[in-house]
């Protein structure tokens, strides 16, 4: 089993990962590039960054405490998401 590289926990409006829209989801990113998403509560040993993400259609706007602080990203798939998240290990 590969080691966990990063953990992301997001809270907010996310129809992709929450049945009724609002909720919490946790994503584990592994060293081999695979990912796994759950709805369990995770306690971080160390929080690396906090972020606010707005995803409308294929465009994602991110305000992040880590660098770069503001970014626009294009994704291949459509989604609608407004979430607050934190990443850590």
N, C-alpha and C. Protein backbone atom coordinates (compact mmCIF):
# COMPACT_ATOMS: atom_id res chain seq x y z
N UNK A 1 0.85 -1.19 0.00
CA UNK A 1 0.00 0.00 0.00
C UNK A 1 0.89 1.24 0.00
N UNK A 2 0.62 2.21 -0.90
CA UNK A 2 1.43 3.43 -0.95
C UNK A 2 1.17 4.31 0.27
N UNK A 3 2.14 5.16 0.57
CA UNK A 3 2.02 6.08 1.70
C UNK A 3 1.13 7.26 1.34
N UNK A 4 0.50 7.84 2.36
CA UNK A 4 -0.33 9.03 2.16
C UNK A 4 0.59 10.23 1.99
N UNK A 5 0.39 10.97 0.91
CA UNK A 5 1.18 12.16 0.63
C UNK A 5 0.53 13.39 1.25
N UNK A 6 -0.79 13.57 1.04
CA UNK A 6 -1.53 14.71 1.56
C UNK A 6 -2.96 14.31 1.87
N UNK A 7 -3.57 15.06 2.77
CA UNK A 7 -4.98 14.87 3.10
C UNK A 7 -5.67 16.21 2.91
N UNK A 8 -6.82 16.21 2.24
CA UNK A 8 -7.62 17.41 2.04
C UNK A 8 -8.99 17.19 2.67
N UNK A 9 -9.44 18.13 3.49
CA UNK A 9 -10.79 18.09 4.04
C UNK A 9 -11.51 19.35 3.59
N UNK A 10 -12.70 19.17 2.98
CA UNK A 10 -13.47 20.30 2.47
C UNK A 10 -14.85 20.33 3.11
N UNK A 11 -15.31 21.55 3.40
CA UNK A 11 -16.63 21.79 3.98
C UNK A 11 -17.37 22.76 3.07
N UNK A 12 -18.62 22.47 2.75
CA UNK A 12 -19.39 23.43 1.98
C UNK A 12 -20.32 22.79 0.98
N UNK A 13 -20.63 23.53 -0.07
CA UNK A 13 -21.54 23.11 -1.11
C UNK A 13 -20.78 22.34 -2.17
N UNK A 14 -21.06 21.06 -2.28
CA UNK A 14 -20.34 20.19 -3.22
C UNK A 14 -21.25 19.05 -3.63
N UNK A 15 -21.92 19.19 -4.77
CA UNK A 15 -22.84 18.15 -5.24
C UNK A 15 -22.11 16.93 -5.77
N UNK A 16 -20.84 17.07 -6.05
CA UNK A 16 -20.04 15.95 -6.55
C UNK A 16 -19.79 14.91 -5.46
N UNK A 17 -19.62 15.34 -4.22
CA UNK A 17 -19.23 14.43 -3.15
C UNK A 17 -20.21 14.35 -1.99
N UNK A 18 -21.25 15.18 -1.99
CA UNK A 18 -22.24 15.15 -0.92
C UNK A 18 -23.63 15.00 -1.53
N UNK A 19 -24.34 14.01 -1.11
CA UNK A 19 -25.64 13.66 -1.69
C UNK A 19 -26.61 14.83 -1.73
N UNK A 20 -26.69 15.59 -0.65
CA UNK A 20 -27.64 16.70 -0.57
C UNK A 20 -26.98 18.06 -0.75
N UNK A 21 -25.75 18.09 -1.21
CA UNK A 21 -25.06 19.35 -1.49
C UNK A 21 -24.12 19.80 -0.41
N UNK A 22 -24.64 20.08 0.80
CA UNK A 22 -23.79 20.57 1.87
C UNK A 22 -23.21 19.41 2.67
N UNK A 23 -21.97 19.58 3.09
CA UNK A 23 -21.37 18.54 3.90
C UNK A 23 -19.86 18.65 3.97
N UNK A 24 -19.25 17.54 4.38
CA UNK A 24 -17.80 17.46 4.54
C UNK A 24 -17.31 16.25 3.76
N UNK A 25 -16.17 16.39 3.11
CA UNK A 25 -15.54 15.24 2.47
C UNK A 25 -14.04 15.31 2.70
N UNK A 26 -13.42 14.15 2.76
CA UNK A 26 -11.98 14.04 2.99
C UNK A 26 -11.37 13.25 1.85
N UNK A 27 -10.29 13.77 1.27
CA UNK A 27 -9.60 13.10 0.18
C UNK A 27 -8.17 12.78 0.59
N UNK A 28 -7.78 11.54 0.38
CA UNK A 28 -6.41 11.10 0.64
C UNK A 28 -5.69 11.02 -0.70
N UNK A 29 -4.53 11.68 -0.79
CA UNK A 29 -3.70 11.63 -1.98
C UNK A 29 -2.47 10.80 -1.64
N UNK A 30 -2.22 9.75 -2.42
CA UNK A 30 -1.13 8.83 -2.15
C UNK A 30 0.10 9.14 -3.01
N UNK A 31 1.25 8.62 -2.59
CA UNK A 31 2.51 8.90 -3.28
C UNK A 31 2.52 8.35 -4.71
N UNK A 32 1.71 7.33 -5.01
CA UNK A 32 1.68 6.78 -6.36
C UNK A 32 0.71 7.53 -7.28
N UNK A 33 0.09 8.62 -6.78
CA UNK A 33 -0.80 9.43 -7.59
C UNK A 33 -2.28 9.08 -7.48
N UNK A 34 -2.61 8.00 -6.79
CA UNK A 34 -4.01 7.62 -6.64
C UNK A 34 -4.66 8.45 -5.53
N UNK A 35 -5.98 8.48 -5.55
CA UNK A 35 -6.74 9.25 -4.57
C UNK A 35 -7.89 8.42 -4.05
N UNK A 36 -8.33 8.70 -2.82
CA UNK A 36 -9.48 8.05 -2.23
C UNK A 36 -10.28 9.10 -1.46
N UNK A 37 -11.60 9.13 -1.64
CA UNK A 37 -12.45 10.11 -0.97
C UNK A 37 -13.39 9.41 0.00
N UNK A 38 -13.52 9.98 1.22
CA UNK A 38 -14.41 9.45 2.24
C UNK A 38 -15.17 10.62 2.89
N UNK A 39 -16.03 10.30 3.84
CA UNK A 39 -16.74 11.33 4.59
C UNK A 39 -16.37 11.29 6.07
N UNK A 40 -15.25 10.70 6.40
CA UNK A 40 -14.84 10.58 7.80
C UNK A 40 -14.16 11.86 8.29
N UNK A 41 -14.20 12.08 9.59
CA UNK A 41 -13.54 13.22 10.22
C UNK A 41 -12.06 12.88 10.43
N UNK A 42 -11.17 13.77 10.06
CA UNK A 42 -9.73 13.54 10.17
C UNK A 42 -9.11 14.64 11.02
N UNK A 43 -8.26 14.25 11.95
CA UNK A 43 -7.48 15.21 12.72
C UNK A 43 -6.09 15.31 12.08
N UNK A 44 -5.70 16.53 11.72
CA UNK A 44 -4.40 16.75 11.09
C UNK A 44 -3.31 16.85 12.15
N UNK A 45 -2.17 16.21 11.87
CA UNK A 45 -1.00 16.40 12.72
C UNK A 45 -0.44 17.80 12.50
N UNK A 46 -0.47 18.22 11.22
CA UNK A 46 0.00 19.55 10.85
C UNK A 46 -0.81 20.03 9.65
N UNK A 47 -1.40 21.23 9.76
CA UNK A 47 -2.15 21.82 8.65
C UNK A 47 -1.17 22.63 7.81
N UNK A 48 -1.08 22.30 6.51
CA UNK A 48 -0.16 23.00 5.61
C UNK A 48 -0.78 24.25 5.00
N UNK A 49 -2.07 24.17 4.67
CA UNK A 49 -2.72 25.30 4.01
C UNK A 49 -4.22 25.27 4.26
N UNK A 50 -4.81 26.45 4.17
CA UNK A 50 -6.26 26.60 4.19
C UNK A 50 -6.63 27.28 2.87
N UNK A 51 -7.79 26.92 2.31
CA UNK A 51 -8.15 27.49 1.03
C UNK A 51 -9.66 27.64 0.90
N UNK A 52 -10.05 28.49 -0.02
CA UNK A 52 -11.44 28.71 -0.39
C UNK A 52 -11.51 28.48 -1.89
N UNK A 53 -12.40 27.60 -2.34
CA UNK A 53 -12.45 27.22 -3.74
C UNK A 53 -13.86 27.42 -4.29
N UNK A 54 -13.94 28.09 -5.44
CA UNK A 54 -15.19 28.24 -6.17
C UNK A 54 -14.99 27.58 -7.53
N UNK A 55 -15.80 26.57 -7.81
CA UNK A 55 -15.70 25.82 -9.06
C UNK A 55 -17.02 25.95 -9.77
N UNK A 56 -17.03 26.64 -10.90
CA UNK A 56 -18.23 26.81 -11.72
C UNK A 56 -17.90 26.35 -13.12
N UNK A 57 -18.62 25.31 -13.57
CA UNK A 57 -18.35 24.75 -14.88
C UNK A 57 -17.00 24.07 -14.91
N UNK A 58 -16.11 24.56 -15.78
CA UNK A 58 -14.77 23.98 -15.88
C UNK A 58 -13.70 24.91 -15.33
N UNK A 59 -14.12 26.02 -14.71
CA UNK A 59 -13.16 27.00 -14.18
C UNK A 59 -13.20 26.98 -12.66
N UNK A 60 -12.02 26.96 -12.04
CA UNK A 60 -11.88 26.93 -10.60
C UNK A 60 -11.06 28.15 -10.16
N UNK A 61 -11.60 28.91 -9.21
CA UNK A 61 -10.89 30.03 -8.60
C UNK A 61 -10.54 29.62 -7.18
N UNK A 62 -9.27 29.78 -6.80
CA UNK A 62 -8.79 29.35 -5.49
C UNK A 62 -8.10 30.51 -4.79
N UNK A 63 -8.48 30.73 -3.53
CA UNK A 63 -7.76 31.64 -2.63
C UNK A 63 -7.11 30.73 -1.60
N UNK A 64 -5.78 30.77 -1.52
CA UNK A 64 -5.04 29.79 -0.74
C UNK A 64 -4.07 30.49 0.22
N UNK A 65 -3.88 29.92 1.41
CA UNK A 65 -2.90 30.48 2.35
C UNK A 65 -1.48 30.09 1.94
N UNK A 66 -1.35 29.10 1.08
CA UNK A 66 -0.06 28.68 0.54
C UNK A 66 0.14 29.40 -0.80
N UNK A 67 1.29 29.29 -1.39
CA UNK A 67 1.53 29.97 -2.67
C UNK A 67 1.13 29.09 -3.83
N UNK A 68 0.59 29.61 -4.91
CA UNK A 68 0.18 30.99 -5.12
C UNK A 68 -1.10 31.28 -4.35
N UNK A 69 -1.22 32.50 -3.85
CA UNK A 69 -2.36 32.85 -3.00
C UNK A 69 -3.67 32.93 -3.77
N UNK A 70 -3.61 33.34 -5.04
CA UNK A 70 -4.79 33.40 -5.90
C UNK A 70 -4.48 32.65 -7.18
N UNK A 71 -5.41 31.82 -7.62
CA UNK A 71 -5.17 31.12 -8.88
C UNK A 71 -6.47 30.77 -9.57
N UNK A 72 -6.39 30.70 -10.89
CA UNK A 72 -7.47 30.20 -11.73
C UNK A 72 -6.98 28.92 -12.37
N UNK A 73 -7.84 27.92 -12.38
CA UNK A 73 -7.46 26.64 -13.00
C UNK A 73 -8.57 26.19 -13.93
N UNK A 74 -8.21 25.48 -14.98
CA UNK A 74 -9.19 24.87 -15.87
C UNK A 74 -9.20 23.38 -15.62
N UNK A 75 -10.40 22.81 -15.55
CA UNK A 75 -10.55 21.37 -15.34
C UNK A 75 -11.18 20.76 -16.58
N UNK A 76 -11.07 19.45 -16.73
CA UNK A 76 -11.63 18.76 -17.88
C UNK A 76 -13.12 18.47 -17.71
N UNK A 77 -13.58 18.38 -16.47
CA UNK A 77 -14.99 18.04 -16.25
C UNK A 77 -15.75 19.20 -15.63
N UNK A 78 -17.07 19.15 -15.75
CA UNK A 78 -17.95 20.17 -15.19
C UNK A 78 -18.27 19.85 -13.74
N UNK A 79 -18.38 20.90 -12.91
CA UNK A 79 -18.77 20.74 -11.52
C UNK A 79 -19.24 22.09 -10.99
N UNK A 80 -19.93 22.06 -9.86
CA UNK A 80 -20.29 23.27 -9.14
C UNK A 80 -19.96 23.03 -7.68
N UNK A 81 -19.10 23.88 -7.13
CA UNK A 81 -18.59 23.66 -5.78
C UNK A 81 -18.20 25.00 -5.17
N UNK A 82 -18.61 25.22 -3.92
CA UNK A 82 -18.13 26.37 -3.13
C UNK A 82 -17.75 25.79 -1.78
N UNK A 83 -16.44 25.70 -1.53
CA UNK A 83 -15.98 25.01 -0.33
C UNK A 83 -14.85 25.76 0.36
N UNK A 84 -14.75 25.51 1.65
CA UNK A 84 -13.60 25.89 2.47
C UNK A 84 -12.87 24.60 2.76
N UNK A 85 -11.55 24.61 2.63
CA UNK A 85 -10.80 23.38 2.88
C UNK A 85 -9.50 23.63 3.57
N UNK A 86 -8.93 22.53 4.04
CA UNK A 86 -7.59 22.57 4.61
C UNK A 86 -6.84 21.33 4.18
N UNK A 87 -5.54 21.47 4.05
CA UNK A 87 -4.71 20.34 3.64
C UNK A 87 -3.62 20.14 4.67
N UNK A 88 -3.20 18.91 4.80
CA UNK A 88 -2.16 18.60 5.76
C UNK A 88 -1.77 17.15 5.70
N UNK A 89 -1.13 16.69 6.78
CA UNK A 89 -0.71 15.30 6.86
C UNK A 89 -1.18 14.71 8.17
